[in-house]
């Protein structure tokens, strides 16, 4: 059966799912959270024992995301567009990942 005119071209722009770097970043953050949760929590307990838990959790999530972002950018073959996020959609994805990490039980 013949394709509709322009559908091949449209599929280039309407690819399903998120780009590989977003999924790699999300999975890397989740894995880093699991591996370093104890170390980071003990450090934040020592530094800010009087801060509410939500503040400590948000600081922990932010630090984990920054560490994973640096690690992802240092990998060879990293996409050029990864260094600069300008699109609101990319920022929304990062905020979604941040919320996801915060909900992981911190």
N, C-alpha and C. Protein backbone atom coordinates (compact mmCIF):
# COMPACT_ATOMS: atom_id res chain seq x y z
N UNK A 1 0.84 -1.17 0.00
CA UNK A 1 0.00 0.00 0.00
C UNK A 1 0.89 1.24 0.00
N UNK A 2 0.54 2.22 -0.76
CA UNK A 2 1.34 3.44 -0.88
C UNK A 2 1.14 4.35 0.33
N UNK A 3 2.22 5.03 0.70
CA UNK A 3 2.15 5.97 1.82
C UNK A 3 1.50 7.27 1.37
N UNK A 4 0.91 7.96 2.30
CA UNK A 4 0.33 9.27 1.99
C UNK A 4 1.47 10.22 1.68
N UNK A 5 1.23 11.17 0.79
CA UNK A 5 2.30 12.12 0.44
C UNK A 5 2.79 12.86 1.68
N UNK A 6 4.10 12.89 1.83
CA UNK A 6 4.70 13.64 2.94
C UNK A 6 4.77 12.89 4.25
N UNK A 7 4.21 11.68 4.33
CA UNK A 7 4.21 10.98 5.62
C UNK A 7 5.61 10.52 6.03
N UNK A 8 6.45 10.19 5.07
CA UNK A 8 7.83 9.83 5.40
C UNK A 8 8.58 11.01 5.98
N UNK A 9 8.34 12.15 5.40
CA UNK A 9 8.97 13.38 5.90
C UNK A 9 8.44 13.73 7.28
N UNK A 10 7.14 13.56 7.46
CA UNK A 10 6.51 13.87 8.74
C UNK A 10 7.08 12.97 9.84
N UNK A 11 7.34 11.72 9.51
CA UNK A 11 7.84 10.80 10.53
C UNK A 11 9.21 11.23 11.06
N UNK A 12 9.98 11.95 10.25
CA UNK A 12 11.26 12.46 10.71
C UNK A 12 11.09 13.47 11.84
N UNK A 13 10.02 14.23 11.79
CA UNK A 13 9.80 15.29 12.77
C UNK A 13 8.90 14.84 13.92
N UNK A 14 8.14 13.82 13.72
CA UNK A 14 7.19 13.36 14.72
C UNK A 14 7.61 12.02 15.33
N UNK A 15 8.89 11.83 15.50
CA UNK A 15 9.39 10.59 16.07
C UNK A 15 8.86 10.43 17.49
N UNK A 16 8.42 9.23 17.81
CA UNK A 16 7.85 8.98 19.13
C UNK A 16 8.93 8.85 20.19
N UNK A 17 8.57 9.10 21.42
CA UNK A 17 9.50 8.95 22.52
C UNK A 17 10.44 10.12 22.66
N UNK A 18 11.17 10.10 23.75
CA UNK A 18 12.11 11.18 23.98
C UNK A 18 13.46 10.83 23.38
N UNK A 19 14.27 11.83 23.07
CA UNK A 19 15.61 11.57 22.53
C UNK A 19 16.42 10.73 23.52
N UNK A 20 17.39 10.04 23.01
CA UNK A 20 18.16 9.11 23.83
C UNK A 20 18.87 9.79 25.00
N UNK A 21 19.33 11.03 24.82
CA UNK A 21 20.03 11.69 25.92
C UNK A 21 19.10 11.94 27.10
N UNK A 22 17.83 12.21 26.82
CA UNK A 22 16.90 12.47 27.92
C UNK A 22 16.68 11.20 28.74
N UNK A 23 16.49 10.09 28.03
CA UNK A 23 16.28 8.83 28.73
C UNK A 23 17.56 8.40 29.46
N UNK A 24 18.71 8.61 28.84
CA UNK A 24 19.98 8.28 29.48
C UNK A 24 20.18 9.13 30.74
N UNK A 25 19.81 10.41 30.66
CA UNK A 25 19.93 11.31 31.81
C UNK A 25 18.99 10.85 32.93
N UNK A 26 17.76 10.53 32.58
CA UNK A 26 16.77 10.08 33.57
C UNK A 26 17.26 8.81 34.26
N UNK A 27 17.68 7.82 33.48
CA UNK A 27 18.13 6.56 34.05
C UNK A 27 19.40 6.74 34.87
N UNK A 28 20.30 7.59 34.39
CA UNK A 28 21.52 7.85 35.14
C UNK A 28 21.24 8.50 36.48
N UNK A 29 20.31 9.44 36.50
CA UNK A 29 19.94 10.10 37.76
C UNK A 29 19.34 9.10 38.73
N UNK A 30 18.44 8.25 38.24
CA UNK A 30 17.82 7.26 39.12
C UNK A 30 18.86 6.30 39.69
N UNK A 31 19.77 5.85 38.85
CA UNK A 31 20.82 4.94 39.30
C UNK A 31 21.75 5.63 40.30
N UNK A 32 22.12 6.86 40.03
CA UNK A 32 22.99 7.62 40.92
C UNK A 32 22.30 7.84 42.27
N UNK A 33 21.00 8.09 42.25
CA UNK A 33 20.25 8.27 43.49
C UNK A 33 20.32 7.00 44.33
N UNK A 34 20.13 5.87 43.68
CA UNK A 34 20.15 4.60 44.42
C UNK A 34 21.53 4.33 45.03
N UNK A 35 22.57 4.59 44.26
CA UNK A 35 23.93 4.26 44.71
C UNK A 35 24.47 5.20 45.77
N UNK A 36 24.13 6.47 45.67
CA UNK A 36 24.77 7.44 46.57
C UNK A 36 23.82 8.06 47.58
N UNK A 37 22.65 7.51 47.73
CA UNK A 37 21.66 8.08 48.64
C UNK A 37 22.17 8.15 50.08
N UNK A 38 22.76 7.08 50.57
CA UNK A 38 23.23 7.07 51.96
C UNK A 38 24.32 8.11 52.19
N UNK A 39 25.28 8.17 51.27
CA UNK A 39 26.39 9.12 51.42
C UNK A 39 25.87 10.55 51.42
N UNK A 40 25.00 10.86 50.47
CA UNK A 40 24.50 12.22 50.37
C UNK A 40 23.59 12.59 51.54
N UNK A 41 22.76 11.65 51.95
CA UNK A 41 21.87 11.94 53.08
C UNK A 41 22.65 12.20 54.36
N UNK A 42 23.67 11.41 54.60
CA UNK A 42 24.45 11.63 55.82
C UNK A 42 25.16 12.97 55.77
N UNK A 43 25.62 13.36 54.60
CA UNK A 43 26.27 14.67 54.48
C UNK A 43 25.28 15.80 54.74
N UNK A 44 24.08 15.70 54.18
CA UNK A 44 23.09 16.75 54.40
C UNK A 44 22.57 16.75 55.83
N UNK A 45 22.55 15.61 56.47
CA UNK A 45 22.14 15.57 57.87
C UNK A 45 23.16 16.31 58.73
N UNK A 46 24.43 16.17 58.41
CA UNK A 46 25.48 16.84 59.18
C UNK A 46 25.45 18.35 58.93
N UNK A 47 25.23 18.74 57.69
CA UNK A 47 25.27 20.15 57.32
C UNK A 47 24.03 20.88 57.77
N UNK A 48 22.88 20.33 57.48
CA UNK A 48 21.64 21.06 57.73
C UNK A 48 20.64 20.26 58.52
N UNK A 49 21.01 19.82 59.68
CA UNK A 49 20.12 19.01 60.49
C UNK A 49 18.84 19.71 60.89
N UNK A 50 18.83 21.04 60.88
CA UNK A 50 17.63 21.75 61.31
C UNK A 50 16.74 22.16 60.15
N UNK A 51 17.12 21.83 58.92
CA UNK A 51 16.29 22.19 57.77
C UNK A 51 15.18 21.17 57.59
N UNK A 52 14.03 21.60 57.10
CA UNK A 52 12.94 20.66 56.85
C UNK A 52 13.36 19.60 55.84
N UNK A 53 12.73 18.43 55.91
CA UNK A 53 13.07 17.33 55.01
C UNK A 53 12.90 17.66 53.55
N UNK A 54 11.89 18.46 53.21
CA UNK A 54 11.67 18.78 51.81
C UNK A 54 12.80 19.63 51.24
N UNK A 55 13.38 20.49 52.07
CA UNK A 55 14.50 21.31 51.61
C UNK A 55 15.71 20.42 51.39
N UNK A 56 15.97 19.51 52.32
CA UNK A 56 17.09 18.58 52.16
C UNK A 56 16.89 17.71 50.93
N UNK A 57 15.69 17.24 50.70
CA UNK A 57 15.40 16.39 49.54
C UNK A 57 15.62 17.14 48.25
N UNK A 58 15.17 18.39 48.19
CA UNK A 58 15.33 19.14 46.95
C UNK A 58 16.81 19.44 46.69
N UNK A 59 17.58 19.69 47.75
CA UNK A 59 19.02 19.90 47.57
C UNK A 59 19.70 18.62 47.08
N UNK A 60 19.29 17.50 47.63
CA UNK A 60 19.85 16.22 47.23
C UNK A 60 19.54 15.92 45.77
N UNK A 61 18.30 16.12 45.37
CA UNK A 61 17.90 15.87 43.99
C UNK A 61 18.67 16.79 43.05
N UNK A 62 18.79 18.04 43.41
CA UNK A 62 19.51 19.00 42.57
C UNK A 62 20.97 18.58 42.41
N UNK A 63 21.60 18.17 43.49
CA UNK A 63 23.01 17.76 43.41
C UNK A 63 23.17 16.51 42.55
N UNK A 64 22.29 15.55 42.71
CA UNK A 64 22.37 14.33 41.91
C UNK A 64 22.19 14.65 40.43
N UNK A 65 21.25 15.53 40.12
CA UNK A 65 21.02 15.90 38.72
C UNK A 65 22.25 16.62 38.14
N UNK A 66 22.87 17.49 38.93
CA UNK A 66 24.06 18.20 38.46
C UNK A 66 25.22 17.23 38.22
N UNK A 67 25.40 16.27 39.13
CA UNK A 67 26.46 15.28 38.95
C UNK A 67 26.23 14.45 37.70
N UNK A 68 25.00 14.00 37.50
CA UNK A 68 24.68 13.17 36.34
C UNK A 68 24.81 13.97 35.05
N UNK A 69 24.41 15.24 35.10
CA UNK A 69 24.52 16.11 33.91
C UNK A 69 25.99 16.25 33.51
N UNK A 70 26.86 16.48 34.49
CA UNK A 70 28.29 16.60 34.21
C UNK A 70 28.84 15.30 33.64
N UNK A 71 28.43 14.18 34.22
CA UNK A 71 28.90 12.89 33.75
C UNK A 71 28.42 12.62 32.33
N UNK A 72 27.18 12.97 32.04
CA UNK A 72 26.62 12.74 30.71
C UNK A 72 27.31 13.60 29.67
N UNK A 73 27.65 14.83 30.02
CA UNK A 73 28.33 15.72 29.08
C UNK A 73 29.77 15.30 28.83
N UNK A 74 30.40 14.65 29.80
CA UNK A 74 31.79 14.26 29.64
C UNK A 74 31.96 13.00 28.79
N UNK A 75 30.88 12.29 28.55
CA UNK A 75 30.93 11.07 27.74
C UNK A 75 31.23 11.44 26.29
N UNK A 76 32.13 10.69 25.68
CA UNK A 76 32.44 10.94 24.27
C UNK A 76 31.22 10.65 23.43
N UNK A 77 31.05 11.42 22.38
CA UNK A 77 29.91 11.23 21.49
C UNK A 77 28.64 11.85 22.03
N UNK A 78 28.79 12.70 23.01
CA UNK A 78 27.64 13.39 23.58
C UNK A 78 27.05 14.32 22.52
N UNK A 79 25.73 14.31 22.35
CA UNK A 79 25.13 15.19 21.35
C UNK A 79 25.47 16.65 21.59
N UNK A 80 25.73 17.37 20.52
CA UNK A 80 26.13 18.77 20.61
C UNK A 80 25.06 19.62 21.28
N UNK A 81 23.81 19.34 21.01
CA UNK A 81 22.71 20.12 21.56
C UNK A 81 22.51 19.94 23.05
N UNK A 82 23.17 18.94 23.62
CA UNK A 82 23.00 18.68 25.04
C UNK A 82 23.59 19.78 25.90
N UNK A 83 24.61 20.45 25.41
CA UNK A 83 25.28 21.48 26.19
C UNK A 83 24.39 22.69 26.44
N UNK A 84 23.49 22.99 25.53
CA UNK A 84 22.64 24.17 25.68
C UNK A 84 21.18 23.79 25.53
N UNK A 85 20.46 23.92 26.60
CA UNK A 85 19.03 23.66 26.55
C UNK A 85 18.33 24.99 26.40
N UNK A 86 17.71 25.19 25.30
CA UNK A 86 17.02 26.45 25.07
C UNK A 86 15.52 26.25 24.93
N UNK A 87 15.13 25.09 24.45
CA UNK A 87 13.72 24.86 24.20
C UNK A 87 12.98 24.66 25.51
N UNK A 88 11.81 25.26 25.65
CA UNK A 88 11.02 25.06 26.87
C UNK A 88 10.68 23.59 27.10
N UNK A 89 10.55 22.82 26.01
CA UNK A 89 10.23 21.41 26.15
C UNK A 89 11.36 20.68 26.87
N UNK A 90 12.62 21.01 26.54
CA UNK A 90 13.75 20.38 27.20
C UNK A 90 13.79 20.73 28.68
N UNK A 91 13.51 21.98 29.00
CA UNK A 91 13.49 22.40 30.40
C UNK A 91 12.35 21.71 31.14
N UNK A 92 11.23 21.54 30.47
CA UNK A 92 10.10 20.84 31.08
C UNK A 92 10.46 19.38 31.37
N UNK A 93 11.22 18.77 30.48
CA UNK A 93 11.65 17.39 30.70
C UNK A 93 12.54 17.31 31.93
N UNK A 94 13.45 18.26 32.07
CA UNK A 94 14.33 18.28 33.24
C UNK A 94 13.54 18.48 34.53
N UNK A 95 12.54 19.34 34.49
CA UNK A 95 11.69 19.55 35.67
C UNK A 95 10.90 18.29 36.00
N UNK A 96 10.45 17.60 34.96
CA UNK A 96 9.72 16.34 35.17
C UNK A 96 10.63 15.30 35.82
N UNK A 97 11.87 15.22 35.36
CA UNK A 97 12.83 14.28 35.94
C UNK A 97 13.09 14.66 37.40
N UNK A 98 13.19 15.94 37.67
CA UNK A 98 13.43 16.40 39.04
C UNK A 98 12.26 16.00 39.95
N UNK A 99 11.03 16.18 39.48
CA UNK A 99 9.87 15.77 40.27
C UNK A 99 9.87 14.26 40.49
N UNK A 100 10.22 13.52 39.44
CA UNK A 100 10.27 12.06 39.52
C UNK A 100 11.27 11.60 40.58
N UNK A 101 12.43 12.23 40.59
CA UNK A 101 13.45 11.87 41.57
C UNK A 101 13.00 12.20 42.98
N UNK A 102 12.35 13.34 43.14
CA UNK A 102 11.87 13.74 44.46
C UNK A 102 10.82 12.76 44.99
N UNK A 103 10.06 12.18 44.09
CA UNK A 103 9.01 11.23 44.48
C UNK A 103 9.56 9.84 44.75
N UNK A 104 10.82 9.59 44.46
CA UNK A 104 11.41 8.26 44.61
C UNK A 104 11.62 7.87 46.07
N UNK A 105 11.14 8.67 46.98
CA UNK A 105 11.23 8.28 48.37
C UNK A 105 12.25 9.04 49.18
N UNK A 106 12.59 10.21 48.73
CA UNK A 106 13.54 11.00 49.51
C UNK A 106 12.85 11.67 50.66
